[in-house]
Amino acid sequence: MNKKLNLLDSIMLIMGSMIGSGIFIVSAGMLTELGTPTMLILAWVVTAILTIFAALSYGELAALMPKAGGQYVYLKEAYSPLFGFLYGWTLFTIIQTGTIAAVSVGFAKFTGVIFPVFSEKNILFSWIITNSYTLNISAAQLLGIALIALLTIFNFGKVKHAALLQNIFTLAKIGSLLFIIFAGLYFILTNQNTTTLSNTLVPSTPIHFNIGIFAAALVGSIFSADAWNNITFTAGEIENPKRNLPLSLLIGTGSVLFLYVLINFIYINALSISEIQHAEQSRVGTLLLQKVFGDNGAIIMAVLIMVSTFGCINGIILSGSRVYKVMADEGLFFKQASELNKHQSPQKSLIYQGVWASILVLSGSYGDLLDYVVFAVLIFYILTVGAVFVLRKKLPNTERPYQVIGYPILPAAYIVMALIICVSLLIFKTAFALSGLCLVLLGVPVYYFLKRKNGQNN
């Protein structure tokens, strides 16, 4: 693949993939679980610390092995090809494609705020599958599929063109977050009924901290800040990856997480606890802008989220396809996915990804599947950060252009904190955690089938 992505492109890809619609929604459920604004802010701060610790650790791996496929390659080299495949399997079956499906329907839902014809309530087709299940296809789902098709086809072209589109929409998304922050700040300063910062964060009664409940509540914030690792999938197309990969990981993740913590400060100072907890469909961002701009606030937020989700989908489509291309090169995915078109783009890989994401949109099951895989994704993050320790022992003499700051304390701290969250999920969200683990383990027989088939072909 041609190296066409510079440092700015890499930072924009990270930020653009991270910023979706979650930041405008998940705080409602988190505050309900955590109970106080102080705990909500603490949850976002902990999420920021976790993500930056992981990003710094990934930076060492990215500089050590600046190859297309990123996390897939790190797991394969540190442990075994099976671990790499299980990550790629889970990425294709739900992590990447499920996120594409969920965000594309999110785009369509907010389009429906402006154009009601695209509302998810507008059911176009219904099929009775069984006595207890009817498959309904809404206008929102069809618009979501059309968006996936549009951006998939756009990414058939040169990666630099896809990166330019990503840069434009990422800058627009950053502007959207800043607009919401300043609009909320204006409302706070000009409205006498809002609480002061000190009154909001300093509790009048003692806080009863339950580490299990707190850790389980982090699911929303962690996944609103997820997809930062996607930049490693495109390592084969990044200029000077040994420098630009770790640097872009630090700048990109740090910038987004700072904005996320700041916007939650605005939420808790402009809105009451009850208003946040009971926001319609958990749309806290929409409620905030309605406070500032009246009825027009819902329209403004819909436009901002449409911009945000459009750029998010483009970044995820671009990066995910690179992993399946590498898997296909090794005989662990559809053979045609290894082909590059005249623009050096993995066109067949993009098509497979787009088709499966569209099927998930039609099934309507992507939301549940994403919940199931939360536990599994954290396990892969733990294993990947652990690869820093493993590869230092396996490859002690290999040049490391960048070494993680604070080694071994920083990566070890991430592993311990992430394990606490995993244990909490097993206790408080057992069904989701075990279902996600089962989904990953389903890849084991698939791996050995493909390995045997590939061996027979050879």
Protein backbone atom coordinates (compact mmCIF):
# COMPACT_ATOMS: atom_id res chain seq x y z
CA MET A 1 0.00 0.00 0.00
CA ASN A 2 1.12 3.57 -0.73
CA LYS A 3 2.14 5.72 2.25
CA LYS A 4 -0.15 8.73 1.84
CA LEU A 5 -1.37 9.56 5.38
CA ASN A 6 0.60 12.25 7.21
CA LEU A 7 0.52 13.21 10.91
CA LEU A 8 -2.50 15.50 10.53
CA ASP A 9 -4.40 12.80 8.62
CA SER A 10 -3.63 10.30 11.39
CA ILE A 11 -4.78 12.65 14.17
CA MET A 12 -7.97 13.48 12.27
CA LEU A 13 -8.66 9.78 11.66
CA ILE A 14 -8.35 9.04 15.38
CA MET A 15 -10.50 11.97 16.47
CA GLY A 16 -13.04 11.40 13.70
CA SER A 17 -13.43 7.72 14.56
CA MET A 18 -13.82 8.48 18.28
CA ILE A 19 -16.41 11.26 18.03
CA GLY A 20 -19.80 9.80 17.18
CA SER A 21 -23.15 10.29 18.88
CA GLY A 22 -22.34 8.60 22.21
CA ILE A 23 -21.11 11.74 23.97
CA PHE A 24 -24.54 13.31 23.46
CA ILE A 25 -26.43 10.32 24.88
CA VAL A 26 -24.62 8.01 27.32
CA SER A 27 -24.30 10.46 30.22
CA ALA A 28 -28.01 10.05 31.03
CA GLY A 29 -27.68 6.33 31.75
CA MET A 30 -24.34 6.77 33.48
CA LEU A 31 -25.73 9.40 35.87
CA THR A 32 -28.69 7.13 36.63
CA GLU A 33 -26.31 4.31 37.58
CA LEU A 34 -23.79 6.49 39.44
CA GLY A 35 -26.23 8.80 41.21
CA THR A 36 -24.21 12.03 41.50
CA PRO A 37 -22.58 14.56 39.13
CA THR A 38 -19.28 14.10 40.97
CA MET A 39 -19.26 10.40 40.18
CA LEU A 40 -20.21 11.11 36.56
CA ILE A 41 -17.23 13.42 36.09
CA LEU A 42 -14.99 10.94 37.90
CA ALA A 43 -16.15 8.20 35.49
CA TRP A 44 -15.19 10.31 32.48
CA VAL A 45 -11.83 11.21 34.02
CA VAL A 46 -11.11 7.53 34.72
CA THR A 47 -12.11 6.72 31.13
CA ALA A 48 -9.70 9.40 29.90
CA ILE A 49 -6.87 8.01 32.02
CA LEU A 50 -7.55 4.44 30.88
CA THR A 51 -7.71 5.39 27.21
CA ILE A 52 -4.54 7.49 27.29
CA PHE A 53 -2.66 4.74 29.15
CA ALA A 54 -3.75 2.25 26.49
CA ALA A 55 -2.95 4.64 23.63
CA LEU A 56 0.57 5.24 24.97
CA SER A 57 1.10 1.47 25.19
CA TYR A 58 -0.23 0.97 21.66
CA GLY A 59 2.19 3.67 20.56
CA GLU A 60 5.17 1.44 21.42
CA LEU A 61 3.65 -1.49 19.53
CA ALA A 62 2.79 0.70 16.55
CA ALA A 63 6.34 2.06 16.32
CA LEU A 64 7.79 -1.44 16.76
CA MET A 65 5.58 -3.02 14.07
CA PRO A 66 4.26 -0.30 11.73
CA LYS A 67 2.33 -2.74 9.56
CA ALA A 68 -1.17 -2.73 8.11
CA GLY A 69 -3.53 -4.61 10.42
CA GLY A 70 -2.34 -2.98 13.63
CA GLN A 71 -3.83 -4.67 16.67
CA TYR A 72 -4.36 -7.89 14.72
CA VAL A 73 -0.61 -8.03 14.03
CA TYR A 74 0.40 -7.20 17.62
CA LEU A 75 -1.71 -10.02 19.07
CA LYS A 76 -0.47 -12.50 16.46
CA GLU A 77 3.19 -11.67 17.06
CA ALA A 78 2.97 -11.51 20.85
CA TYR A 79 0.92 -14.66 21.45
CA SER A 80 -0.02 -16.74 18.42
CA PRO A 81 -1.89 -16.47 15.10
CA LEU A 82 -5.01 -17.80 16.89
CA PHE A 83 -5.19 -14.70 19.11
CA GLY A 84 -4.81 -12.42 16.10
CA PHE A 85 -7.55 -14.27 14.26
CA LEU A 86 -9.96 -14.18 17.21
CA TYR A 87 -9.56 -10.42 17.31
CA GLY A 88 -10.07 -10.12 13.55
CA TRP A 89 -13.06 -12.49 13.74
CA THR A 90 -14.72 -10.43 16.48
CA LEU A 91 -13.85 -7.20 14.67
CA PHE A 92 -15.60 -8.35 11.51
CA THR A 93 -18.60 -10.09 13.07
CA ILE A 94 -19.59 -7.25 15.38
CA ILE A 95 -17.02 -4.74 16.73
CA GLN A 96 -16.37 -2.84 13.49
CA THR A 97 -19.42 -3.80 11.45
CA GLY A 98 -21.76 -3.49 14.43
CA THR A 99 -20.43 -0.01 15.13
CA ILE A 100 -20.88 0.95 11.48
CA ALA A 101 -24.47 -0.36 11.63
CA ALA A 102 -25.32 1.37 14.89
CA VAL A 103 -23.82 4.73 13.93
CA SER A 104 -25.41 4.69 10.46
CA VAL A 105 -28.86 4.13 11.97
CA GLY A 106 -28.04 6.86 14.50
CA PHE A 107 -27.37 9.17 11.53
CA ALA A 108 -30.72 8.19 10.05
CA LYS A 109 -32.62 8.70 13.32
CA PHE A 110 -31.39 12.27 13.66
CA THR A 111 -32.05 12.88 9.96
CA GLY A 112 -35.63 11.89 10.87
CA VAL A 113 -35.79 14.81 13.30
CA ILE A 114 -35.47 17.17 10.31
CA PHE A 115 -37.15 14.97 7.70
CA PRO A 116 -39.79 12.78 9.45
CA VAL A 117 -40.01 10.49 6.42
CA PHE A 118 -36.73 8.92 7.61
CA SER A 119 -38.02 8.25 11.11
CA GLU A 120 -37.47 4.78 12.55
CA LYS A 121 -41.23 4.77 13.24
CA ASN A 122 -41.87 4.87 9.49
CA ILE A 123 -42.09 1.10 8.85
CA LEU A 124 -41.88 0.35 5.13
CA PHE A 125 -41.90 -3.46 5.13
CA SER A 126 -42.94 -6.17 7.59
CA TRP A 127 -42.34 -9.90 7.35
CA ILE A 128 -43.70 -12.40 9.86
CA ILE A 129 -40.77 -14.76 10.46
CA THR A 130 -42.32 -16.77 13.30
CA ASN A 131 -45.36 -16.42 15.51
CA SER A 132 -43.26 -14.48 18.00
CA TYR A 133 -41.00 -12.50 15.65
CA THR A 134 -41.75 -10.02 12.90
CA LEU A 135 -38.98 -8.41 10.86
CA ASN A 136 -39.73 -4.72 10.38
CA ILE A 137 -37.74 -2.58 7.95
CA SER A 138 -37.91 1.15 8.62
CA ALA A 139 -36.96 4.14 6.51
CA ALA A 140 -34.17 4.84 9.01
CA GLN A 141 -32.63 1.42 8.35
CA LEU A 142 -32.73 1.90 4.57
CA LEU A 143 -31.14 5.33 4.87
CA GLY A 144 -28.47 3.80 7.12
CA ILE A 145 -27.71 1.14 4.49
CA ALA A 146 -27.59 3.78 1.75
CA LEU A 147 -25.04 5.75 3.79
CA ILE A 148 -22.89 2.62 4.31
CA ALA A 149 -23.00 1.94 0.56
CA LEU A 150 -22.11 5.56 -0.30
CA LEU A 151 -19.08 5.73 2.00
CA THR A 152 -17.94 2.21 1.11
CA ILE A 153 -17.89 3.11 -2.60
CA PHE A 154 -16.18 6.44 -1.84
CA ASN A 155 -13.39 4.51 -0.08
CA PHE A 156 -12.75 2.52 -3.26
CA GLY A 157 -10.77 5.57 -4.36
CA LYS A 158 -7.41 6.84 -3.20
CA VAL A 159 -6.85 6.73 0.55
CA LYS A 160 -5.72 10.38 0.44
CA HIS A 161 -9.16 11.39 -0.84
CA ALA A 162 -10.86 9.44 1.96
CA ALA A 163 -8.48 11.08 4.44
CA LEU A 164 -9.34 14.54 3.09
CA LEU A 165 -13.05 13.87 3.59
CA GLN A 166 -12.24 12.60 7.08
CA ASN A 167 -10.26 15.75 7.88
CA ILE A 168 -13.09 18.03 6.76
CA PHE A 169 -15.73 16.22 8.81
CA THR A 170 -13.47 15.83 11.84
CA LEU A 171 -12.82 19.57 11.91
CA ALA A 172 -16.58 20.08 11.63
CA LYS A 173 -17.14 17.67 14.54
CA ILE A 174 -14.59 19.42 16.72
CA GLY A 175 -16.35 22.67 15.87
CA SER A 176 -19.68 21.08 16.84
CA LEU A 177 -18.38 20.05 20.26
CA LEU A 178 -16.93 23.50 20.85
CA PHE A 179 -20.21 25.08 19.76
CA ILE A 180 -22.15 23.00 22.29
CA ILE A 181 -19.61 23.78 25.03
CA PHE A 182 -19.76 27.55 24.42
CA ALA A 183 -23.54 27.54 24.01
CA GLY A 184 -23.89 25.70 27.31
CA LEU A 185 -21.39 28.01 29.00
CA TYR A 186 -23.34 31.05 27.76
CA PHE A 187 -26.54 29.57 29.18
CA ILE A 188 -24.89 28.87 32.54
CA LEU A 189 -23.48 32.40 32.84
CA THR A 190 -26.70 34.15 31.82
CA ASN A 191 -29.29 31.99 33.58
CA GLN A 192 -29.70 32.53 37.30
CA ASN A 193 -31.54 29.23 37.76
CA THR A 194 -28.51 27.10 36.89
CA THR A 195 -26.29 25.71 39.61
CA THR A 196 -22.75 26.90 40.21
CA LEU A 197 -19.79 24.67 39.53
CA SER A 198 -18.94 24.33 43.23
CA ASN A 199 -22.53 23.47 44.20
CA THR A 200 -22.71 20.84 41.51
CA LEU A 201 -19.51 18.96 42.26
CA VAL A 202 -19.29 19.25 46.05
CA PRO A 203 -21.88 16.79 47.43
CA SER A 204 -24.05 17.86 50.37
CA THR A 205 -24.19 14.26 51.62
CA PRO A 206 -21.47 11.57 51.73
CA ILE A 207 -20.97 9.53 48.55
CA HIS A 208 -21.16 5.77 48.93
CA PHE A 209 -18.63 4.47 46.43
CA ASN A 210 -19.24 0.97 45.04
CA ILE A 211 -16.35 0.00 42.80
CA GLY A 212 -18.37 -2.71 41.02
CA ILE A 213 -21.26 -0.41 40.08
CA PHE A 214 -18.82 2.34 39.14
CA ALA A 215 -16.80 0.03 36.88
CA ALA A 216 -19.93 -1.34 35.19
CA ALA A 217 -21.15 2.21 34.53
CA LEU A 218 -17.94 2.95 32.59
CA VAL A 219 -19.21 0.91 29.65
CA GLY A 220 -20.97 3.95 28.18
CA SER A 221 -18.01 6.31 28.45
CA ILE A 222 -15.45 3.73 27.30
CA PHE A 223 -17.36 3.02 24.12
CA SER A 224 -18.09 6.67 23.45
CA ALA A 225 -14.30 7.09 23.50
CA ASP A 226 -13.57 3.90 21.54
CA ALA A 227 -12.25 3.37 17.98
CA TRP A 228 -9.04 5.33 18.68
CA ASN A 229 -7.10 2.11 17.98
CA ASN A 230 -8.37 2.06 14.38
CA ILE A 231 -5.42 4.18 13.29
CA THR A 232 -3.15 1.16 13.82
CA PHE A 233 -5.08 -0.74 11.12
CA THR A 234 -3.85 1.75 8.51
CA ALA A 235 -0.19 1.70 9.62
CA GLY A 236 0.94 0.46 6.20
CA GLU A 237 -0.29 3.72 4.62
CA ILE A 238 1.12 6.22 7.15
CA GLU A 239 4.19 8.33 6.40
CA ASN A 240 7.00 7.84 8.92
CA PRO A 241 4.82 5.54 11.07
CA LYS A 242 7.48 5.04 13.74
CA ARG A 243 7.07 8.70 14.67
CA ASN A 244 3.58 9.62 13.49
CA LEU A 245 1.67 6.65 14.93
CA PRO A 246 2.55 7.11 18.63
CA LEU A 247 2.38 10.90 18.34
CA SER A 248 -1.05 10.87 16.68
CA LEU A 249 -2.35 8.40 19.29
CA LEU A 250 -1.37 10.75 22.12
CA ILE A 251 -2.61 13.96 20.50
CA GLY A 252 -5.81 12.49 19.05
CA THR A 253 -7.03 10.64 22.13
CA GLY A 254 -5.98 13.37 24.55
CA SER A 255 -7.81 16.08 22.60
CA VAL A 256 -11.09 14.18 22.31
CA LEU A 257 -11.12 13.08 25.94
CA PHE A 258 -10.45 16.64 27.14
CA LEU A 259 -13.49 17.82 25.15
CA TYR A 260 -15.59 14.92 26.52
CA VAL A 261 -14.82 15.77 30.15
CA LEU A 262 -15.47 19.45 29.46
CA ILE A 263 -18.84 18.83 27.81
CA ASN A 264 -19.96 16.75 30.79
CA PHE A 265 -19.08 19.69 33.07
CA ILE A 266 -21.43 21.75 30.91
CA TYR A 267 -24.21 19.14 31.17
CA ILE A 268 -24.16 18.99 34.96
CA ASN A 269 -24.05 22.78 35.37
CA ALA A 270 -26.68 23.68 32.77
CA LEU A 271 -29.13 20.87 33.59
CA SER A 272 -30.46 19.37 36.79
CA ILE A 273 -29.72 15.77 37.77
CA SER A 274 -33.33 14.82 37.09
CA GLU A 275 -33.32 16.49 33.66
CA ILE A 276 -30.20 14.56 32.61
CA GLN A 277 -31.47 11.24 33.97
CA HIS A 278 -34.88 11.59 32.30
CA ALA A 279 -33.87 13.21 29.02
CA GLU A 280 -36.08 11.91 26.20
CA GLN A 281 -34.38 8.89 24.61
CA SER A 282 -31.30 9.83 26.72
CA ARG A 283 -30.57 12.75 24.34
CA VAL A 284 -28.81 15.00 26.86
CA GLY A 285 -27.11 17.10 24.18
CA THR A 286 -30.45 17.82 22.52
CA LEU A 287 -31.98 18.83 25.85
CA LEU A 288 -29.09 21.22 26.48
CA LEU A 289 -29.50 22.99 23.14
CA GLN A 290 -33.26 23.15 23.62
CA LYS A 291 -32.60 25.01 26.86
CA VAL A 292 -30.39 27.47 25.00
CA PHE A 293 -32.22 27.83 21.66
CA GLY A 294 -35.75 26.66 22.40
CA ASP A 295 -37.46 24.39 19.87
CA ASN A 296 -34.73 25.10 17.32
CA GLY A 297 -32.26 23.35 19.62
CA ALA A 298 -33.45 19.90 18.52
CA ILE A 299 -32.89 20.80 14.86
CA ILE A 300 -29.43 22.23 15.57
CA MET A 301 -28.39 19.11 17.51
CA ALA A 302 -29.74 16.84 14.77
CA VAL A 303 -27.55 18.62 12.20
CA LEU A 304 -24.49 18.46 14.47
CA ILE A 305 -24.97 14.72 15.10
CA MET A 306 -25.51 14.04 11.40
CA VAL A 307 -22.13 15.68 10.71
CA SER A 308 -20.53 13.80 13.61
CA THR A 309 -21.86 10.36 12.67
CA PHE A 310 -21.11 10.80 8.96
CA GLY A 311 -17.43 11.42 9.67
CA CYS A 312 -17.32 8.64 12.25
CA ILE A 313 -18.66 6.05 9.80
CA ASN A 314 -16.18 7.10 7.11
CA GLY A 315 -13.22 6.64 9.46
CA ILE A 316 -14.39 3.24 10.69
CA ILE A 317 -15.11 1.99 7.15
CA LEU A 318 -11.70 3.13 5.94
CA SER A 319 -9.69 1.55 8.76
CA GLY A 320 -11.50 -1.75 9.36
CA SER A 321 -11.15 -2.96 5.80
CA ARG A 322 -7.35 -2.97 6.15
CA VAL A 323 -7.47 -5.69 8.83
CA TYR A 324 -9.52 -8.07 6.69
CA LYS A 325 -7.10 -7.49 3.80
CA VAL A 326 -4.19 -8.64 5.98
CA MET A 327 -6.19 -11.64 7.23
CA ALA A 328 -6.99 -12.61 3.64
CA ASP A 329 -3.28 -12.40 2.76
CA GLU A 330 -2.73 -15.09 5.40
CA GLY A 331 -5.59 -17.30 4.24
CA LEU A 332 -7.82 -16.43 7.21
CA PHE A 333 -10.52 -14.47 5.39
CA PHE A 334 -12.22 -14.47 1.99
CA LYS A 335 -9.40 -14.79 -0.53
CA GLN A 336 -10.67 -11.94 -2.75
CA ALA A 337 -10.38 -9.51 0.18
CA SER A 338 -6.60 -9.47 -0.28
CA GLU A 339 -6.88 -7.78 -3.69
CA LEU A 340 -6.10 -4.08 -4.17
CA ASN A 341 -7.73 -2.05 -6.92
CA LYS A 342 -5.98 0.46 -9.19
CA HIS A 343 -6.09 3.06 -6.39
CA GLN A 344 -4.33 0.66 -3.98
CA SER A 345 -7.57 0.34 -2.01
CA PRO A 346 -8.81 -3.04 -0.62
CA GLN A 347 -12.07 -2.83 -2.57
CA LYS A 348 -13.28 -6.40 -2.01
CA SER A 349 -12.54 -6.13 1.70
CA LEU A 350 -14.60 -2.94 1.83
CA ILE A 351 -17.48 -4.69 0.06
CA TYR A 352 -17.52 -7.64 2.47
CA GLN A 353 -17.50 -5.24 5.41
CA GLY A 354 -20.28 -3.11 3.94
CA VAL A 355 -22.52 -6.07 3.13
CA TRP A 356 -22.25 -7.56 6.63
CA ALA A 357 -22.80 -4.18 8.29
CA SER A 358 -25.93 -3.73 6.15
CA ILE A 359 -27.22 -7.15 7.19
CA LEU A 360 -26.76 -6.12 10.83
CA VAL A 361 -28.73 -2.94 10.10
CA LEU A 362 -31.61 -5.00 8.67
CA SER A 363 -31.55 -7.49 11.53
CA GLY A 364 -31.87 -4.73 14.09
CA SER A 365 -29.69 -6.80 16.43
CA TYR A 366 -26.53 -4.67 16.29
CA GLY A 367 -27.37 -2.88 19.54
CA ASP A 368 -27.62 -6.11 21.53
CA LEU A 369 -24.50 -7.53 19.90
CA LEU A 370 -22.49 -4.45 20.80
CA ASP A 371 -23.60 -4.85 24.42
CA TYR A 372 -22.53 -8.48 24.36
CA VAL A 373 -19.08 -7.70 23.02
CA VAL A 374 -18.13 -5.00 25.57
CA PHE A 375 -16.46 -7.58 27.77
CA ALA A 376 -14.62 -9.18 24.85
CA VAL A 377 -13.27 -5.86 23.58
CA LEU A 378 -11.81 -5.08 27.00
CA ILE A 379 -10.14 -8.49 27.04
CA PHE A 380 -8.50 -7.73 23.68
CA TYR A 381 -7.33 -4.35 24.98
CA ILE A 382 -5.80 -6.04 28.04
CA LEU A 383 -4.06 -8.63 25.87
CA THR A 384 -2.72 -5.97 23.51
CA VAL A 385 -1.33 -3.79 26.30
CA GLY A 386 0.11 -6.99 27.78
CA ALA A 387 1.85 -7.53 24.45
CA VAL A 388 4.20 -4.67 25.40
CA PHE A 389 5.63 -6.90 28.17
CA VAL A 390 5.60 -10.05 26.02
CA LEU A 391 7.37 -8.51 23.04
CA ARG A 392 10.04 -6.87 25.20
CA LYS A 393 10.99 -10.41 26.26
CA LYS A 394 10.53 -12.03 22.84
CA LEU A 395 12.26 -9.25 20.87
CA PRO A 396 14.65 -7.64 23.36
CA ASN A 397 17.14 -6.41 20.75
CA THR A 398 14.66 -4.99 18.24
CA GLU A 399 14.79 -1.22 17.76
CA ARG A 400 11.97 0.62 19.56
CA PRO A 401 11.72 4.17 18.17
CA TYR A 402 9.21 4.95 20.90
CA GLN A 403 8.94 3.32 24.32
CA VAL A 404 5.88 3.72 26.49
CA ILE A 405 6.30 6.36 29.19
CA GLY A 406 6.45 5.01 32.73
CA TYR A 407 7.09 1.40 31.75
CA PRO A 408 6.27 -0.99 33.43
CA ILE A 409 3.96 0.94 35.79
CA LEU A 410 1.74 2.65 33.22
CA PRO A 411 0.80 -0.43 31.11
CA ALA A 412 0.50 -2.53 34.27
CA ALA A 413 -1.86 0.07 35.78
CA TYR A 414 -4.05 -0.12 32.67
CA ILE A 415 -4.21 -3.91 32.83
CA VAL A 416 -5.20 -3.87 36.53
CA MET A 417 -7.87 -1.18 36.01
CA ALA A 418 -9.32 -2.91 32.93
CA LEU A 419 -9.40 -6.27 34.75
CA ILE A 420 -11.40 -4.66 37.57
CA ILE A 421 -13.94 -3.46 35.00
CA CYS A 422 -14.10 -6.95 33.43
CA VAL A 423 -14.71 -8.61 36.81
CA SER A 424 -17.40 -6.03 37.55
CA LEU A 425 -19.10 -6.77 34.24
CA LEU A 426 -19.05 -10.48 35.03
CA ILE A 427 -20.75 -9.76 38.35
CA PHE A 428 -23.20 -7.00 37.41
CA LYS A 429 -23.81 -7.72 33.70
CA THR A 430 -23.17 -11.44 33.60
CA ALA A 431 -25.33 -12.28 30.57
CA PHE A 432 -23.71 -9.63 28.38
CA ALA A 433 -20.17 -10.54 29.47
CA LEU A 434 -20.57 -14.28 28.94
CA SER A 435 -22.39 -13.80 25.63
CA GLY A 436 -19.53 -11.64 24.37
CA LEU A 437 -17.01 -14.25 25.44
CA CYS A 438 -18.97 -16.97 23.63
CA LEU A 439 -19.04 -14.87 20.47
CA VAL A 440 -15.24 -14.66 20.56
CA LEU A 441 -14.83 -18.38 21.24
CA LEU A 442 -17.00 -19.23 18.24
CA GLY A 443 -14.02 -18.08 16.22
CA VAL A 444 -11.83 -20.95 17.48
CA PRO A 445 -13.39 -23.71 15.31
CA VAL A 446 -13.56 -21.26 12.39
CA TYR A 447 -9.82 -20.59 12.74
CA TYR A 448 -8.88 -24.28 12.69
CA PHE A 449 -11.23 -24.93 9.77
CA LEU A 450 -9.63 -22.13 7.73
CA LYS A 451 -6.12 -23.19 8.76
CA ARG A 452 -6.77 -26.75 7.68
CA LYS A 453 -8.41 -25.63 4.46
CA ASN A 454 -5.52 -23.31 3.70
CA GLY A 455 -3.03 -26.09 4.42
CA GLN A 456 -4.84 -28.43 2.05
CA ASN A 457 -4.76 -25.78 -0.67
CA ASN A 458 -1.04 -25.46 -0.22
